[in-house]
Protein backbone atom coordinates (compact mmCIF):
# COMPACT_ATOMS: atom_id res chain seq x y z
CA MET A 1 18.52 -48.93 68.49
CA HIS A 2 15.00 -50.33 68.91
CA LEU A 3 11.82 -52.35 69.42
CA LEU A 4 12.56 -54.38 69.51
CA GLN A 5 13.44 -51.44 67.92
CA GLN A 6 16.25 -50.17 67.01
CA VAL A 7 16.68 -53.33 64.67
CA ALA A 8 15.02 -51.56 61.78
CA ALA A 9 15.53 -55.16 60.53
CA ALA A 10 12.24 -55.85 62.79
CA SER A 11 9.35 -56.96 60.30
CA ALA A 12 6.68 -55.31 61.77
CA PHE A 13 5.01 -51.92 62.18
CA ALA A 14 4.34 -51.39 65.76
CA SER A 15 1.51 -49.45 67.24
CA ILE A 16 1.61 -48.56 71.05
CA VAL A 17 -1.38 -48.67 72.91
CA ALA A 18 -2.33 -45.73 74.19
CA ALA A 19 -1.81 -44.44 77.65
CA ALA A 20 -4.90 -42.94 79.40
CA PRO A 21 -5.39 -39.77 79.63
CA HIS A 22 -4.71 -39.05 83.32
CA PRO A 23 -2.49 -42.36 84.12
CA ILE A 24 -2.43 -43.62 87.44
CA ILE A 25 1.05 -45.21 87.62
CA SER A 26 2.14 -47.33 89.90
CA LYS A 27 5.09 -46.60 92.18
CA ARG A 28 6.07 -49.64 94.34
CA SER A 29 8.74 -50.08 96.35
CA SER A 30 11.80 -49.72 94.59
CA HIS A 31 15.63 -49.77 95.73
CA VAL A 32 18.31 -48.77 94.02
CA THR A 33 21.67 -49.57 94.47
CA GLY A 34 24.78 -49.11 92.49
CA ALA A 35 27.11 -46.27 91.43
CA ALA A 36 25.60 -42.68 90.69
CA LYS A 37 27.23 -42.69 87.17
CA PHE A 38 27.56 -45.55 84.88
CA THR A 39 28.33 -46.26 81.22
CA VAL A 40 26.80 -49.13 79.47
CA PRO A 41 28.83 -49.96 76.34
CA GLN A 42 26.73 -51.08 73.27
CA GLY A 43 27.82 -54.75 71.75
CA PRO A 44 26.71 -56.92 68.81
CA PRO A 45 24.61 -59.47 69.14
CA LYS A 46 24.91 -63.25 68.94
CA LEU A 47 22.43 -63.30 66.10
CA GLN A 48 24.05 -63.00 62.52
CA GLY A 49 22.66 -62.61 59.22
CA LYS A 50 19.25 -60.33 60.30
CA LYS A 51 17.37 -59.33 57.07
CA ILE A 52 16.37 -55.59 57.15
CA ALA A 53 14.54 -53.39 54.00
CA GLY A 54 14.13 -49.65 54.08
CA PRO A 55 10.09 -49.70 53.53
CA ILE A 56 9.79 -51.93 56.67
CA ALA A 57 11.88 -49.60 58.69
CA LEU A 58 9.74 -46.92 57.58
CA ALA A 59 6.05 -48.46 58.13
CA ARG A 60 7.15 -49.95 61.51
CA VAL A 61 7.41 -46.03 62.61
CA TYR A 62 4.02 -45.42 61.66
CA GLY A 63 3.00 -48.24 63.75
CA LYS A 64 4.70 -47.20 66.80
CA TYR A 65 3.28 -43.78 66.59
CA ALA A 66 -0.23 -44.71 65.77
CA SER A 67 -1.05 -43.95 69.52
CA ILE A 68 -0.85 -40.39 68.67
CA GLY A 69 -2.68 -40.32 65.30
CA ALA A 70 0.04 -41.83 62.69
CA ASN A 71 -1.43 -42.96 59.82
CA ALA A 72 0.84 -44.73 57.18
CA PRO A 73 0.29 -43.56 53.47
CA ALA A 74 -1.11 -46.72 51.29
CA ALA A 75 1.95 -47.10 49.62
CA VAL A 76 4.75 -47.13 52.93
CA ASN A 77 1.85 -50.13 54.17
CA ALA A 78 1.75 -51.85 50.47
CA ALA A 79 5.96 -51.78 50.41
CA ALA A 80 6.36 -52.73 53.34
CA SER A 81 3.77 -55.98 53.30
CA LYS A 82 5.47 -56.74 49.62
CA ALA A 83 8.71 -56.83 51.43
CA ALA A 84 8.23 -58.83 54.28
CA GLY A 85 6.34 -60.88 51.95
CA THR A 86 8.72 -61.55 49.28
CA ASN A 87 12.08 -60.09 50.87
CA ASP A 88 12.04 -57.76 48.01
CA GLY A 89 14.81 -54.49 49.07
CA THR A 90 15.58 -56.88 51.74
CA VAL A 91 19.55 -57.55 52.41
CA VAL A 92 21.39 -60.10 54.82
CA ALA A 93 23.28 -57.61 57.43
CA SER A 94 26.48 -57.48 59.03
CA PRO A 95 26.04 -56.25 62.70
CA GLU A 96 27.76 -53.03 61.54
CA GLN A 97 26.32 -52.83 58.38
CA TYR A 98 23.19 -51.09 58.04
CA ASP A 99 23.87 -49.81 62.27
CA GLN A 100 20.82 -52.29 62.94
CA ALA A 101 22.35 -54.96 65.34
CA TYR A 102 23.83 -53.03 68.60
CA LEU A 103 22.43 -53.97 71.50
CA GLU A 104 23.06 -53.56 75.43
CA SER A 105 23.65 -55.93 78.04
CA VAL A 106 20.98 -56.00 81.00
CA THR A 107 21.09 -58.42 83.87
CA VAL A 108 17.28 -59.34 85.17
CA GLY A 109 16.85 -61.60 87.90
CA GLY A 110 20.66 -62.64 87.21
CA GLN A 111 20.05 -63.54 83.64
CA THR A 112 21.51 -61.74 81.01
CA LEU A 113 19.58 -60.49 78.23
CA ASN A 114 20.97 -58.11 74.80
CA LEU A 115 17.84 -55.54 75.05
CA ASP A 116 17.62 -52.07 72.91
CA PHE A 117 17.23 -49.18 74.53
CA ASP A 118 14.44 -46.91 73.10
CA THR A 119 13.81 -43.40 73.90
CA GLY A 120 10.72 -43.72 72.05
CA SER A 121 8.88 -45.93 74.22
CA SER A 122 8.45 -47.00 77.98
CA ASP A 123 8.14 -50.45 78.46
CA LEU A 124 10.78 -53.34 79.71
CA TRP A 125 9.77 -56.05 77.73
CA VAL A 126 11.70 -59.46 77.44
CA PHE A 127 11.84 -63.07 75.81
CA SER A 128 10.96 -65.39 78.52
CA SER A 129 10.90 -68.94 79.41
CA GLU A 130 6.43 -68.55 79.04
CA LEU A 131 6.86 -68.45 75.42
CA PRO A 132 6.89 -71.74 73.28
CA ALA A 133 10.04 -73.21 73.46
CA ASN A 134 10.40 -72.75 69.45
CA GLU A 135 9.95 -68.86 70.13
CA GLN A 136 13.04 -69.21 72.21
CA THR A 137 15.41 -70.84 69.86
CA GLY A 138 18.32 -68.17 69.15
CA HIS A 139 17.13 -65.76 72.29
CA ASN A 140 18.66 -65.22 75.82
CA ILE A 141 15.09 -65.60 77.99
CA TYR A 142 14.08 -64.61 81.20
CA ASN A 143 12.94 -67.39 83.59
CA PRO A 144 11.04 -65.95 86.72
CA ALA A 145 11.69 -69.29 88.54
CA LYS A 146 15.56 -69.18 88.09
CA SER A 147 15.50 -65.88 90.16
CA GLN A 148 15.86 -65.86 93.65
CA THR A 149 14.06 -62.26 93.72
CA SER A 150 11.17 -62.35 91.29
CA ALA A 151 7.74 -61.90 92.15
CA VAL A 152 4.84 -61.93 89.93
CA ASP A 153 2.86 -58.67 90.00
CA THR A 154 -0.48 -60.31 90.21
CA GLY A 155 -3.44 -59.05 87.58
CA GLU A 156 -1.17 -56.79 85.70
CA THR A 157 -0.61 -57.60 81.72
CA TRP A 158 0.57 -55.82 78.59
CA THR A 159 -0.04 -56.22 74.99
CA ILE A 160 1.73 -54.46 72.20
CA SER A 161 -0.34 -54.72 68.92
CA TYR A 162 1.57 -54.17 64.92
CA GLY A 163 0.06 -53.01 61.98
CA ASP A 164 0.28 -56.27 60.53
CA GLY A 165 -1.55 -57.98 62.67
CA SER A 166 1.54 -59.46 64.82
CA SER A 167 1.46 -59.13 68.46
CA ALA A 168 3.26 -59.85 71.71
CA SER A 169 1.69 -60.17 74.81
CA GLY A 170 2.37 -61.54 78.47
CA ASN A 171 2.04 -60.58 82.23
CA VAL A 172 4.60 -58.96 84.72
CA TYR A 173 6.78 -59.77 87.63
CA THR A 174 8.76 -57.68 89.90
CA ASP A 175 12.53 -58.27 90.04
CA VAL A 176 16.27 -56.79 90.50
CA VAL A 177 17.24 -55.39 87.16
CA ASN A 178 20.91 -54.58 86.58
CA VAL A 179 21.95 -51.85 84.00
CA GLY A 180 25.49 -50.80 84.38
CA GLY A 181 26.01 -52.12 87.80
CA THR A 182 23.72 -50.14 89.19
CA SER A 183 20.32 -52.21 90.32
CA VAL A 184 16.49 -51.47 90.57
CA THR A 185 14.96 -54.08 92.99
CA GLY A 186 11.59 -54.15 92.16
CA GLN A 187 11.60 -52.89 88.80
CA ALA A 188 8.26 -53.70 86.36
CA VAL A 189 9.58 -56.78 83.69
CA GLU A 190 6.81 -57.43 81.11
CA LEU A 191 7.52 -61.10 80.27
CA ALA A 192 6.52 -62.05 76.61
CA LYS A 193 3.85 -64.95 76.96
CA THR A 194 2.85 -64.94 73.06
CA ILE A 195 4.68 -63.38 70.02
CA SER A 196 4.35 -63.15 66.73
CA SER A 197 6.94 -64.95 64.25
CA GLN A 198 8.09 -61.87 63.49
CA PHE A 199 9.47 -60.81 67.03
CA ALA A 200 10.47 -64.45 67.08
CA GLN A 201 13.05 -64.10 64.26
CA ASP A 202 14.59 -60.67 65.77
CA GLN A 203 17.71 -60.29 67.23
CA SER A 204 17.10 -58.65 70.36
CA ASP A 205 15.85 -60.24 73.50
CA GLY A 206 13.81 -57.37 74.08
CA LEU A 207 13.32 -53.37 75.06
CA LEU A 208 13.89 -51.47 77.93
CA GLY A 209 12.26 -47.92 77.00
CA LEU A 210 13.56 -44.94 78.18
CA GLY A 211 10.33 -42.60 77.45
CA PHE A 212 8.31 -41.29 79.95
CA SER A 213 6.39 -43.53 82.03
CA SER A 214 2.70 -42.00 81.02
CA ILE A 215 3.42 -44.47 78.11
CA ASN A 216 3.96 -48.05 79.55
CA THR A 217 1.28 -50.22 78.25
CA VAL A 218 0.91 -52.18 81.42
CA THR A 219 -2.11 -52.52 82.77
CA PRO A 220 -4.53 -51.88 84.95
CA ASN A 221 -1.57 -50.05 86.40
CA GLN A 222 1.05 -48.20 84.12
CA GLN A 223 4.69 -48.74 85.31
CA GLN A 224 7.81 -46.94 86.09
CA THR A 225 10.69 -46.99 83.43
CA PHE A 226 14.16 -47.88 84.89
CA PHE A 227 15.25 -44.60 84.37
CA ALA A 228 12.15 -43.33 86.58
CA ASN A 229 13.23 -45.78 89.21
CA ALA A 230 16.92 -45.12 89.28
CA GLU A 231 17.34 -41.66 88.51
CA SER A 232 16.40 -40.04 92.04
CA SER A 233 19.76 -42.01 93.01
CA LEU A 234 22.26 -40.85 89.99
CA GLU A 235 24.59 -38.26 90.50
CA SER A 236 22.07 -36.14 87.91
CA PRO A 237 19.06 -37.51 86.00
CA LEU A 238 20.21 -38.05 82.95
CA PHE A 239 21.21 -40.54 80.33
CA THR A 240 23.63 -39.61 77.23
CA ALA A 241 23.26 -41.22 73.83
CA ASN A 242 26.86 -41.49 72.18
CA LEU A 243 25.27 -43.59 69.11
CA LYS A 244 27.99 -44.16 66.28
CA LYS A 245 28.05 -45.30 62.83
CA GLY A 246 29.80 -48.57 61.84
CA ALA A 247 30.64 -49.14 65.11
CA PRO A 248 29.37 -50.07 68.59
CA GLY A 249 28.40 -46.63 71.18
CA SER A 250 27.29 -46.45 74.51
CA TYR A 251 25.20 -44.76 77.20
CA ASN A 252 26.35 -42.80 80.08
CA PHE A 253 24.16 -42.49 82.87
CA GLY A 254 23.89 -40.12 85.88
CA TYR A 255 26.73 -37.87 84.03
CA ILE A 256 27.91 -36.11 80.82
CA ASP A 257 31.17 -36.97 79.56
CA SER A 258 32.97 -34.15 78.18
CA SER A 259 35.45 -36.22 76.06
CA GLU A 260 32.55 -37.73 74.02
CA TYR A 261 31.93 -34.20 72.47
CA THR A 262 33.19 -30.95 71.13
CA GLY A 263 32.18 -27.62 71.56
CA ASP A 264 29.52 -26.52 73.75
CA ILE A 265 26.23 -28.71 74.66
CA ALA A 266 22.95 -26.61 73.49
CA TYR A 267 20.08 -27.43 75.35
CA THR A 268 16.20 -27.08 73.99
CA ALA A 269 13.26 -27.52 76.85
CA VAL A 270 11.07 -30.82 75.92
CA ASP A 271 7.28 -31.08 75.65
CA ASN A 272 6.69 -34.62 77.24
CA SER A 273 3.04 -34.23 77.16
CA GLN A 274 2.42 -37.30 75.12
CA GLY A 275 5.18 -38.95 76.93
CA PHE A 276 7.99 -38.70 74.51
CA TRP A 277 10.94 -36.59 74.26
CA GLY A 278 9.76 -33.59 72.24
CA PHE A 279 11.38 -30.53 71.03
CA THR A 280 11.25 -27.82 67.92
CA SER A 281 13.55 -27.24 65.51
CA SER A 282 13.76 -23.91 63.82
CA GLY A 283 14.98 -24.89 60.67
CA TYR A 284 17.45 -26.65 58.21
CA THR A 285 20.13 -26.17 55.39
CA VAL A 286 20.42 -28.58 52.39
CA GLY A 287 24.56 -28.85 51.45
CA SER A 288 25.93 -25.71 51.20
CA GLY A 289 22.67 -24.04 50.19
CA SER A 290 21.17 -21.20 52.11
CA ALA A 291 19.03 -21.51 55.33
CA VAL A 292 15.44 -22.21 55.31
CA THR A 293 13.56 -20.98 58.98
CA GLU A 294 10.89 -23.08 59.92
CA SER A 295 9.27 -24.78 63.00
CA ILE A 296 9.67 -28.68 62.93
CA PRO A 297 8.03 -29.91 66.08
CA ALA A 298 9.68 -33.47 66.23
CA ILE A 299 10.83 -36.26 68.67
CA ALA A 300 14.11 -37.64 69.48
CA ASP A 301 13.84 -41.46 68.85
CA THR A 302 16.77 -44.02 69.76
CA GLY A 303 14.11 -46.68 68.65
CA THR A 304 13.95 -45.40 65.15
CA SER A 305 16.17 -45.86 62.65
CA LEU A 306 15.15 -43.12 60.15
CA LEU A 307 15.33 -39.34 60.21
CA LEU A 308 11.49 -38.78 59.38
CA LEU A 309 11.14 -34.51 58.17
CA PRO A 310 8.23 -32.84 57.03
CA ASP A 311 7.71 -33.07 52.88
CA ASP A 312 9.35 -29.94 52.01
CA VAL A 313 12.16 -30.61 53.63
CA VAL A 314 12.47 -33.83 52.69
CA SER A 315 11.99 -32.62 48.98
CA ALA A 316 14.40 -29.93 49.02
CA TYR A 317 16.76 -32.86 49.65
CA TYR A 318 16.07 -34.93 47.31
CA ALA A 319 16.17 -32.11 44.59
CA GLN A 320 19.42 -31.94 45.14
CA VAL A 321 20.57 -36.04 44.64
CA SER A 322 20.60 -36.64 40.95
CA GLY A 323 18.41 -39.40 39.96
CA SER A 324 16.11 -39.42 43.27
CA SER A 325 12.83 -40.04 43.22
CA ASN A 326 9.96 -41.00 45.68
CA SER A 327 9.12 -44.33 44.59
CA GLN A 328 6.00 -46.04 44.76
CA THR A 329 7.05 -49.77 44.92
CA ASP A 330 9.70 -48.68 47.99
CA GLY A 331 6.92 -46.56 49.62
CA GLY A 332 9.82 -44.13 49.98
CA TYR A 333 12.60 -41.98 48.29
CA ILE A 334 15.60 -43.94 46.80
CA PHE A 335 18.33 -43.13 44.78
CA ASP A 336 21.53 -44.78 42.78
CA CYS A 337 23.41 -46.12 45.86
CA THR A 338 26.81 -44.20 43.87
CA ALA A 339 25.28 -40.99 43.81
CA ALA A 340 26.42 -37.83 45.69
CA LEU A 341 24.41 -37.23 48.68
CA PRO A 342 24.60 -33.62 50.64
CA ASP A 343 24.95 -32.85 54.19
CA LEU A 344 21.63 -31.70 56.13
CA THR A 345 21.99 -29.09 58.72
CA LEU A 346 19.41 -28.84 61.33
CA GLN A 347 18.64 -26.08 63.60
CA ILE A 348 18.15 -26.16 67.26
CA GLU A 349 18.57 -23.31 69.91
CA GLY A 350 21.12 -21.92 67.86
CA TYR A 351 23.09 -25.32 67.18
CA SER A 352 23.55 -26.56 63.76
CA ALA A 353 23.29 -30.27 63.63
CA VAL A 354 25.08 -31.35 60.99
CA VAL A 355 23.88 -34.85 59.55
CA PRO A 356 26.79 -35.96 56.94
CA GLY A 357 25.51 -36.99 53.49
CA SER A 358 26.75 -40.65 54.02
CA TYR A 359 24.34 -41.12 57.09
CA MET A 360 21.40 -40.93 54.46
CA ASN A 361 22.20 -43.99 52.34
CA TYR A 362 19.70 -46.42 54.60
CA ALA A 363 20.18 -49.73 53.10
CA PRO A 364 19.63 -51.21 49.50
CA ALA A 365 16.40 -50.62 47.98
CA SER A 366 14.16 -52.90 45.46
CA ALA A 367 15.66 -52.46 42.15
CA SER A 368 19.39 -53.44 41.75
CA GLY A 369 21.69 -50.55 42.38
CA SER A 370 18.94 -48.18 44.52
CA CYS A 371 19.29 -47.45 47.66
CA PHE A 372 16.75 -46.31 50.32
CA GLY A 373 17.17 -43.31 51.89
CA GLY A 374 17.71 -42.89 55.55
CA LEU A 375 15.73 -39.51 55.05
CA GLN A 376 12.09 -39.70 54.88
CA SER A 377 9.04 -37.96 55.03
CA ASN A 378 6.44 -37.71 58.03
CA ALA A 379 3.58 -37.22 56.09
CA GLY A 380 0.61 -38.87 58.41
CA ILE A 381 2.63 -38.69 61.53
CA GLY A 382 2.12 -34.80 62.59
CA GLN A 383 5.41 -34.44 63.70
CA SER A 384 8.97 -35.77 62.97
CA ILE A 385 10.94 -37.94 63.94
CA PHE A 386 14.50 -37.87 64.93
CA GLY A 387 15.75 -41.58 64.87
CA ASP A 388 19.23 -42.87 64.47
CA VAL A 389 20.38 -41.55 60.92
CA PHE A 390 20.41 -37.81 62.96
CA LEU A 391 21.11 -39.06 66.47
CA LYS A 392 24.38 -40.96 65.66
CA ALA A 393 25.48 -38.18 64.11
CA GLN A 394 25.40 -36.14 67.26
CA PHE A 395 26.29 -36.21 70.73
CA VAL A 396 22.90 -36.60 72.91
CA VAL A 397 21.95 -35.49 76.31
CA PHE A 398 18.40 -36.76 77.82
CA ASP A 399 18.29 -34.59 81.10
CA ASP A 400 15.10 -35.19 83.39
CA ALA A 401 15.91 -31.83 85.17
CA SER A 402 13.83 -30.56 88.08
CA GLY A 403 13.41 -27.44 86.18
CA GLY A 404 11.58 -29.85 83.41
CA PRO A 405 13.15 -32.13 80.81
CA ARG A 406 15.23 -31.04 78.36
CA LEU A 407 17.66 -32.37 75.85
CA GLY A 408 20.97 -31.02 75.05
CA PHE A 409 22.96 -31.50 71.56
CA ALA A 410 26.30 -31.16 70.90
CA ALA A 411 28.75 -32.05 68.04
CA LYS A 412 31.46 -34.49 68.17
CA THR A 413 33.97 -36.27 66.19
CA LEU A 414 32.58 -38.70 63.72
């Protein structure tokens, strides 16, 4: 899950630097060693007690997609700012409680870091020895001086800014990055040299982006992602995400494990013109109601915790939740924590992707006894975001096939 994304606990709203219209991506010489297929299990991080809030999780989605014109409603920004400043709607989460604290172990220059895998971005950036000592506390850090294979990438820099004024930036090295036993030599690694206090409090040690390289934020030369560098050596140019509710999931690279899903995989074409795993859903059903046909352009994003859909879909869903309301205080839909929540089914190429109602209870809201919905409006973004509320209910294939990228969805045992 992300951004340090998957941690919706992160306290800011990300805004990724827009890619140039016709980016030149640095294709440095890289060498891949290891298995043609491998698995990366998720695991809980070393830090506990991370505070999270629904309004912050929602606001940071808008910041993340600012590069494609996302503009958060005033109520969302106000609710997030209040939650960040006063801890309203904020709770202390155990690693499993809100599915926010599962990270993947990655080795950079022989040093192990716990990173978020994020299909909604394309940077590999890490906490580093270049940060002030107090901002390194509680994190595994990457120190290029301790690596025998590191090399500074002279002149290359990166900056990511956030809607609340916080930011992270630094320089770029190349080194050997090992994921699941497969190593890429010469992989661009973005070192955090300056970082906001919000990031310093985050649970992960950085992020490994799995979007398309065209939205990498390094300047003046964009860099290729780990997956882009590794995929030619994989048995198949794909990875799968098997995220889970209340338990660590896993990512498989280079192969599809048939034991992880049931039935057939339904594939749909990907529009990666904006650098994301974009696709289109063809409709929805709330509970046992009638199916509604509607074209829903969307992005599959493991680095976003929530499911964001068009207003009409969200309104139709919460119309079936007794006592629910669109709260100005919380910046989104809330409901009594004991309310019965219907399933939501989304259609993708004939596949009925069911999100159980129990997955729609994201976290406690500001008012006692109220909960913040895992389903919220995509107003101001222009596309729907199929984040972890949706993805952890499915088996998902991210396939960079030679005939064009595609996404595969299948049911699985929940």
